[in-house]
N, C-alpha and C. Protein backbone atom coordinates (compact mmCIF):
# COMPACT_ATOMS: atom_id res chain seq x y z
N GLN A 1 0.84 -1.26 -0.02
CA GLN A 1 -0.08 0.04 0.05
C GLN A 1 0.89 1.13 0.01
N VAL A 2 0.59 2.22 -0.80
CA VAL A 2 1.17 3.44 -0.84
C VAL A 2 0.22 4.60 -0.34
N GLN A 3 0.82 5.54 0.41
CA GLN A 3 0.06 6.64 0.93
C GLN A 3 0.76 7.93 0.29
N LEU A 4 -0.05 8.69 -0.29
CA LEU A 4 0.40 10.04 -0.93
C LEU A 4 -0.20 11.23 -0.27
N VAL A 5 0.64 12.08 0.06
CA VAL A 5 0.11 13.27 0.61
C VAL A 5 0.55 14.52 0.00
N GLU A 6 -0.27 15.32 -0.83
CA GLU A 6 0.06 16.57 -1.33
C GLU A 6 0.07 17.95 -0.50
N SER A 7 0.84 18.74 -0.93
CA SER A 7 0.97 19.96 -0.22
C SER A 7 1.53 21.03 -0.94
N GLY A 8 1.18 22.24 -0.74
CA GLY A 8 1.77 23.53 -1.23
C GLY A 8 0.71 24.18 -2.28
N GLY A 9 -0.35 23.73 -2.36
CA GLY A 9 -1.59 24.42 -3.05
C GLY A 9 -2.00 25.78 -2.33
N GLY A 10 -2.65 26.47 -2.99
CA GLY A 10 -3.16 27.88 -2.51
C GLY A 10 -3.51 28.65 -3.58
N LEU A 11 -3.75 30.14 -3.28
CA LEU A 11 -4.23 31.01 -4.02
C LEU A 11 -3.05 32.00 -4.66
N VAL A 12 -2.93 32.20 -5.86
CA VAL A 12 -1.96 32.89 -6.61
C VAL A 12 -2.58 33.78 -7.65
N GLN A 13 -1.83 34.82 -7.95
CA GLN A 13 -2.38 35.66 -9.14
C GLN A 13 -1.83 35.21 -10.40
N THR A 14 -2.33 35.56 -11.44
CA THR A 14 -1.98 35.37 -12.80
C THR A 14 -0.59 35.54 -12.77
N GLY A 15 0.17 34.88 -13.49
CA GLY A 15 1.72 35.09 -13.77
C GLY A 15 2.42 34.63 -12.57
N GLY A 16 1.87 34.29 -11.39
CA GLY A 16 2.58 33.90 -10.28
C GLY A 16 3.07 32.37 -10.25
N SER A 17 3.69 31.96 -9.32
CA SER A 17 4.23 30.68 -9.19
C SER A 17 3.77 29.91 -7.88
N LEU A 18 3.64 28.61 -7.91
CA LEU A 18 3.52 27.66 -6.69
C LEU A 18 4.31 26.42 -6.98
N ARG A 19 4.73 25.73 -5.88
CA ARG A 19 5.37 24.63 -5.96
C ARG A 19 4.61 23.39 -5.13
N LEU A 20 4.05 22.50 -5.64
CA LEU A 20 3.33 21.41 -5.26
C LEU A 20 4.42 20.44 -4.72
N SER A 21 4.03 19.64 -3.57
CA SER A 21 4.93 18.53 -3.17
C SER A 21 4.03 17.42 -2.94
N CYS A 22 4.54 16.19 -3.20
CA CYS A 22 3.91 14.98 -2.96
C CYS A 22 4.77 14.15 -2.15
N ALA A 23 4.36 13.70 -0.73
CA ALA A 23 5.16 12.92 -0.03
C ALA A 23 4.56 11.47 -0.06
N ALA A 24 5.51 10.55 -0.31
CA ALA A 24 5.09 9.25 -0.35
C ALA A 24 5.56 8.24 0.80
N SER A 25 4.79 7.34 1.11
CA SER A 25 5.20 6.38 2.12
C SER A 25 4.55 4.97 1.77
N GLY A 26 5.14 3.96 2.37
CA GLY A 26 4.77 2.68 2.19
C GLY A 26 5.40 1.83 1.15
N ARG A 27 6.13 2.45 0.26
CA ARG A 27 6.96 1.82 -0.59
C ARG A 27 8.14 2.71 -0.98
N THR A 28 9.35 2.11 -1.50
CA THR A 28 10.39 3.00 -1.93
C THR A 28 10.02 3.76 -3.21
N LEU A 29 10.20 5.13 -3.21
CA LEU A 29 9.81 5.82 -4.21
C LEU A 29 10.32 5.36 -5.59
N SER A 30 11.60 4.84 -5.56
CA SER A 30 12.10 4.45 -6.85
C SER A 30 11.44 3.18 -7.51
N ASN A 31 10.56 2.63 -6.80
CA ASN A 31 9.83 1.54 -7.37
C ASN A 31 8.64 2.00 -8.04
N LEU A 32 8.28 3.19 -7.90
CA LEU A 32 7.01 3.83 -8.44
C LEU A 32 7.16 4.72 -9.63
N ASN A 33 6.24 4.77 -10.82
CA ASN A 33 6.13 5.68 -11.70
C ASN A 33 5.17 6.72 -11.09
N MET A 34 5.28 7.91 -11.28
CA MET A 34 4.39 8.83 -10.66
C MET A 34 4.01 10.02 -11.63
N GLY A 35 2.85 10.57 -11.22
CA GLY A 35 2.22 11.62 -12.09
C GLY A 35 1.44 12.58 -11.28
N TRP A 36 1.12 13.72 -12.01
CA TRP A 36 0.35 14.69 -11.40
C TRP A 36 -1.03 14.94 -12.37
N PHE A 37 -1.88 14.91 -11.90
CA PHE A 37 -3.34 15.29 -12.54
C PHE A 37 -3.99 16.29 -11.87
N ARG A 38 -5.04 16.80 -12.58
CA ARG A 38 -5.82 17.88 -11.94
C ARG A 38 -7.27 17.79 -12.49
N GLN A 39 -8.27 18.29 -11.59
CA GLN A 39 -9.49 18.27 -11.93
C GLN A 39 -10.26 19.48 -11.63
N ALA A 40 -10.72 20.17 -12.45
CA ALA A 40 -11.56 21.41 -12.23
C ALA A 40 -13.12 21.05 -12.05
N PRO A 41 -13.86 21.94 -11.37
CA PRO A 41 -15.16 21.54 -11.25
C PRO A 41 -15.86 21.38 -12.49
N GLY A 42 -16.63 20.30 -12.57
CA GLY A 42 -17.46 19.86 -13.91
C GLY A 42 -16.73 19.43 -15.01
N LYS A 43 -15.38 19.18 -14.86
CA LYS A 43 -14.43 18.60 -15.85
C LYS A 43 -13.96 17.42 -15.40
N GLU A 44 -13.43 16.47 -16.49
CA GLU A 44 -12.81 15.31 -16.33
C GLU A 44 -11.32 15.45 -15.64
N ARG A 45 -11.07 14.54 -14.86
CA ARG A 45 -9.59 14.46 -14.48
C ARG A 45 -8.55 14.70 -15.58
N GLU A 46 -7.59 15.55 -15.44
CA GLU A 46 -6.79 15.84 -16.68
C GLU A 46 -5.17 15.46 -16.31
N PHE A 47 -4.58 14.82 -17.21
CA PHE A 47 -3.05 14.64 -17.10
C PHE A 47 -2.30 15.92 -17.12
N VAL A 48 -1.39 15.95 -16.12
CA VAL A 48 -0.57 17.33 -16.08
C VAL A 48 0.90 16.81 -16.41
N ALA A 49 1.48 15.92 -15.68
CA ALA A 49 2.83 15.61 -15.74
C ALA A 49 3.20 14.17 -15.23
N PHE A 50 4.38 13.62 -15.85
CA PHE A 50 4.65 12.16 -15.48
C PHE A 50 6.07 12.12 -15.23
N THR A 51 6.72 11.41 -14.20
CA THR A 51 7.91 10.99 -14.03
C THR A 51 8.26 9.53 -13.87
N SER A 52 9.19 8.99 -14.62
CA SER A 52 9.38 7.49 -14.53
C SER A 52 10.30 7.39 -13.24
N ARG A 53 10.46 6.10 -12.88
CA ARG A 53 11.20 5.82 -11.62
C ARG A 53 12.37 6.57 -11.22
N PHE A 54 13.18 6.84 -12.12
CA PHE A 54 14.48 7.53 -11.90
C PHE A 54 14.54 8.89 -12.73
N ALA A 55 13.26 9.31 -13.07
CA ALA A 55 13.12 10.41 -13.84
C ALA A 55 13.82 10.55 -15.18
N GLU A 56 14.13 9.16 -15.82
CA GLU A 56 14.72 9.13 -16.96
C GLU A 56 13.78 9.59 -18.23
N ILE A 57 12.46 9.44 -17.90
CA ILE A 57 11.49 9.95 -18.68
C ILE A 57 10.50 10.93 -18.06
N THR A 58 10.40 11.99 -18.56
CA THR A 58 9.35 12.99 -18.00
C THR A 58 8.45 13.60 -19.12
N ASP A 59 7.26 13.82 -18.76
CA ASP A 59 6.37 14.17 -19.84
C ASP A 59 5.32 15.20 -19.26
N HIS A 60 4.96 16.27 -19.88
CA HIS A 60 4.01 17.31 -19.48
C HIS A 60 3.18 17.45 -20.51
N SER A 61 1.78 17.70 -20.06
CA SER A 61 0.77 17.98 -21.08
C SER A 61 1.16 19.39 -21.81
N ASP A 62 0.57 19.40 -23.04
CA ASP A 62 0.68 20.62 -23.90
C ASP A 62 0.34 21.88 -23.21
N SER A 63 -0.70 21.70 -22.43
CA SER A 63 -1.29 23.10 -21.76
C SER A 63 -0.37 23.57 -20.68
N VAL A 64 0.59 22.67 -20.22
CA VAL A 64 1.47 23.24 -19.18
C VAL A 64 2.86 23.22 -19.63
N LYS A 65 3.21 22.58 -20.71
CA LYS A 65 4.70 22.45 -21.23
C LYS A 65 5.30 23.84 -21.31
N GLY A 66 6.46 24.07 -20.80
CA GLY A 66 7.22 25.19 -20.69
C GLY A 66 6.88 26.19 -19.52
N ARG A 67 5.87 25.79 -18.67
CA ARG A 67 5.57 26.55 -17.40
C ARG A 67 5.55 25.68 -16.28
N PHE A 68 5.36 24.42 -16.38
CA PHE A 68 5.45 23.32 -15.26
C PHE A 68 6.64 22.54 -15.37
N THR A 69 7.10 22.14 -14.27
CA THR A 69 8.20 21.29 -14.38
C THR A 69 7.99 20.01 -13.21
N ILE A 70 8.10 18.82 -13.51
CA ILE A 70 7.97 17.81 -12.60
C ILE A 70 9.27 17.29 -12.16
N SER A 71 9.52 17.01 -10.93
CA SER A 71 10.67 16.41 -10.53
C SER A 71 10.48 15.49 -9.31
N ARG A 72 11.57 14.72 -8.94
CA ARG A 72 11.37 13.84 -7.84
C ARG A 72 12.71 13.62 -7.16
N ASP A 73 12.71 13.29 -5.86
CA ASP A 73 13.90 13.11 -4.98
C ASP A 73 13.60 11.73 -4.40
N ASN A 74 13.96 10.58 -4.84
CA ASN A 74 13.71 9.41 -4.38
C ASN A 74 14.37 9.06 -3.04
N ASP A 75 15.50 9.84 -2.71
CA ASP A 75 16.10 9.82 -1.21
C ASP A 75 15.15 10.31 -0.32
N LYS A 76 14.30 11.37 -0.67
CA LYS A 76 13.52 12.00 0.26
C LYS A 76 12.12 11.46 0.10
N ASN A 77 11.77 10.57 -0.96
CA ASN A 77 10.38 10.06 -1.14
C ASN A 77 9.44 11.21 -1.53
N THR A 78 9.91 12.05 -2.22
CA THR A 78 9.06 13.10 -2.61
C THR A 78 9.15 13.39 -4.21
N MET A 79 8.01 13.96 -4.69
CA MET A 79 7.84 14.35 -5.91
C MET A 79 7.23 15.78 -6.02
N ASP A 80 7.76 16.65 -6.90
CA ASP A 80 7.31 17.98 -6.91
C ASP A 80 6.68 18.48 -8.21
N LEU A 81 6.05 19.49 -8.21
CA LEU A 81 5.58 20.05 -9.46
C LEU A 81 5.76 21.72 -9.37
N GLN A 82 6.76 22.24 -10.06
CA GLN A 82 6.99 23.62 -10.02
C GLN A 82 6.02 24.22 -11.13
N MET A 83 5.19 25.21 -10.70
CA MET A 83 4.20 25.71 -11.73
C MET A 83 4.53 27.16 -11.73
N ASN A 84 5.01 27.72 -12.83
CA ASN A 84 5.32 29.03 -13.03
C ASN A 84 4.49 29.76 -14.21
N ASN A 85 4.30 30.93 -14.21
CA ASN A 85 3.50 31.76 -15.11
C ASN A 85 2.05 31.17 -15.11
N MET A 86 1.54 31.13 -14.11
CA MET A 86 0.07 30.37 -13.94
C MET A 86 -0.82 31.29 -14.48
N LYS A 87 -1.83 30.63 -15.00
CA LYS A 87 -3.05 31.12 -15.55
C LYS A 87 -4.28 30.78 -14.87
N PRO A 88 -5.36 31.43 -15.05
CA PRO A 88 -6.57 31.16 -14.37
C PRO A 88 -7.15 29.64 -14.66
N GLU A 89 -6.95 29.20 -15.89
CA GLU A 89 -7.35 28.03 -16.37
C GLU A 89 -6.37 26.88 -15.73
N ASP A 90 -5.44 27.21 -14.99
CA ASP A 90 -4.66 26.16 -14.23
C ASP A 90 -5.47 25.87 -12.81
N SER A 91 -6.49 26.62 -12.55
CA SER A 91 -7.24 26.50 -11.25
C SER A 91 -7.86 25.12 -11.25
N ALA A 92 -7.70 24.31 -10.15
CA ALA A 92 -8.21 22.94 -10.12
C ALA A 92 -7.59 22.25 -8.71
N VAL A 93 -8.16 21.19 -8.43
CA VAL A 93 -7.68 20.39 -7.47
C VAL A 93 -6.53 19.41 -8.07
N TYR A 94 -5.35 19.42 -7.52
CA TYR A 94 -4.24 18.79 -8.23
C TYR A 94 -3.99 17.59 -7.30
N TYR A 95 -3.78 16.32 -7.97
CA TYR A 95 -3.54 15.14 -7.46
C TYR A 95 -2.34 14.48 -7.82
N CYS A 96 -1.69 13.90 -6.80
CA CYS A 96 -0.52 13.12 -7.08
C CYS A 96 -0.92 11.50 -7.20
N ALA A 97 -0.28 10.88 -8.16
CA ALA A 97 -0.67 9.51 -8.24
C ALA A 97 0.66 8.74 -8.56
N ALA A 98 0.47 7.41 -8.19
CA ALA A 98 1.62 6.43 -8.26
C ALA A 98 1.12 5.15 -8.91
N THR A 99 2.03 4.50 -9.45
CA THR A 99 1.92 3.10 -9.98
C THR A 99 3.21 2.39 -9.84
N ILE A 100 3.05 1.08 -9.62
CA ILE A 100 3.96 0.14 -9.52
C ILE A 100 4.17 -0.72 -10.97
N ARG A 101 3.29 -0.26 -11.79
CA ARG A 101 3.27 -0.99 -13.19
C ARG A 101 4.39 -0.44 -14.04
N THR A 102 4.93 -1.09 -14.89
CA THR A 102 5.82 -0.53 -15.84
C THR A 102 4.98 0.22 -16.77
N THR A 103 5.23 1.56 -16.98
CA THR A 103 4.23 2.30 -17.89
C THR A 103 5.32 3.50 -18.38
N THR A 104 4.75 3.93 -19.48
CA THR A 104 5.57 5.12 -20.10
C THR A 104 4.61 5.93 -20.98
N VAL A 105 5.08 6.93 -21.33
CA VAL A 105 4.33 7.79 -22.35
C VAL A 105 3.90 6.92 -23.73
N PRO A 106 2.70 7.24 -24.08
CA PRO A 106 1.62 7.96 -23.69
C PRO A 106 0.65 7.35 -22.75
N LEU A 107 0.85 6.18 -22.38
CA LEU A 107 -0.10 5.48 -21.47
C LEU A 107 -0.15 6.05 -20.11
N ALA A 108 0.88 6.62 -19.62
CA ALA A 108 1.02 7.07 -18.39
C ALA A 108 0.29 8.34 -18.22
N GLN A 109 -0.40 8.90 -19.33
CA GLN A 109 -1.15 10.16 -19.17
C GLN A 109 -2.76 9.81 -18.93
N ARG A 110 -2.84 8.37 -18.74
CA ARG A 110 -4.17 7.93 -18.54
C ARG A 110 -4.29 7.74 -17.02
N HIS A 111 -5.41 8.24 -16.43
CA HIS A 111 -5.40 8.10 -15.02
C HIS A 111 -5.65 6.75 -14.55
N THR A 112 -6.17 5.85 -15.44
CA THR A 112 -6.43 4.42 -15.04
C THR A 112 -5.13 3.68 -14.98
N GLN A 113 -4.07 4.38 -15.33
CA GLN A 113 -2.75 3.56 -15.10
C GLN A 113 -2.31 3.53 -13.72
N TYR A 114 -2.86 4.36 -12.79
CA TYR A 114 -2.41 4.56 -11.45
C TYR A 114 -3.30 3.79 -10.44
N GLU A 115 -2.60 3.21 -9.41
CA GLU A 115 -3.24 2.57 -8.31
C GLU A 115 -3.60 3.36 -7.15
N TRP A 116 -2.66 4.22 -7.03
CA TRP A 116 -2.68 5.15 -5.70
C TRP A 116 -2.77 6.70 -5.98
N TRP A 117 -3.69 7.24 -5.06
CA TRP A 117 -3.88 8.75 -5.33
C TRP A 117 -3.72 9.37 -3.93
N GLY A 118 -3.47 10.63 -3.94
CA GLY A 118 -3.52 11.52 -2.78
C GLY A 118 -4.93 12.15 -2.75
N GLN A 119 -5.10 12.96 -1.65
CA GLN A 119 -6.36 13.31 -1.40
C GLN A 119 -6.59 14.78 -2.19
N GLY A 120 -5.45 15.29 -2.72
CA GLY A 120 -5.67 16.35 -3.63
C GLY A 120 -5.30 17.71 -2.82
N THR A 121 -4.87 18.72 -3.58
CA THR A 121 -4.55 20.09 -2.97
C THR A 121 -5.23 21.14 -3.92
N GLN A 122 -5.93 22.08 -3.38
CA GLN A 122 -6.55 23.10 -4.29
C GLN A 122 -5.54 24.25 -4.70
N VAL A 123 -5.63 24.52 -6.06
CA VAL A 123 -4.95 25.60 -6.55
C VAL A 123 -5.95 26.50 -7.30
N THR A 124 -5.78 27.77 -6.84
CA THR A 124 -6.68 28.71 -7.45
C THR A 124 -5.80 29.84 -7.96
N VAL A 125 -6.04 30.30 -9.25
CA VAL A 125 -5.33 31.34 -9.95
C VAL A 125 -6.21 32.38 -10.15
N SER A 126 -6.07 33.56 -9.55
CA SER A 126 -7.02 34.66 -9.86
C SER A 126 -6.53 35.60 -10.91
N SER A 127 -7.58 36.15 -11.72
CA SER A 127 -7.09 36.98 -12.77
C SER A 127 -7.06 38.35 -12.59
């Protein structure tokens, strides 16, 4: 079993930055492929970013590419999402997800690939 806890959400103005963190426990992080997803009210859960076990592969959705960066620290059992130049359309609940499955892009963009999820953290970007 894997427990995931997100932190770092909050309110930010357009053009501002936030850094989300996901703390994992229950398994060694290097055994897990991990991702960030988000869900806005009335919308489906949306892929944001993916990192493979040792970050040899990373992927970002087109909507955040060049603005968001996923990273991980396996020694600290954490994964981060640095969000820069934020826009109102980035407002959503952000979820950390993990899978022990062997997966890669583009399958890793599907939320069905992940067994474990955090509780989510709210991000709101004001215009």
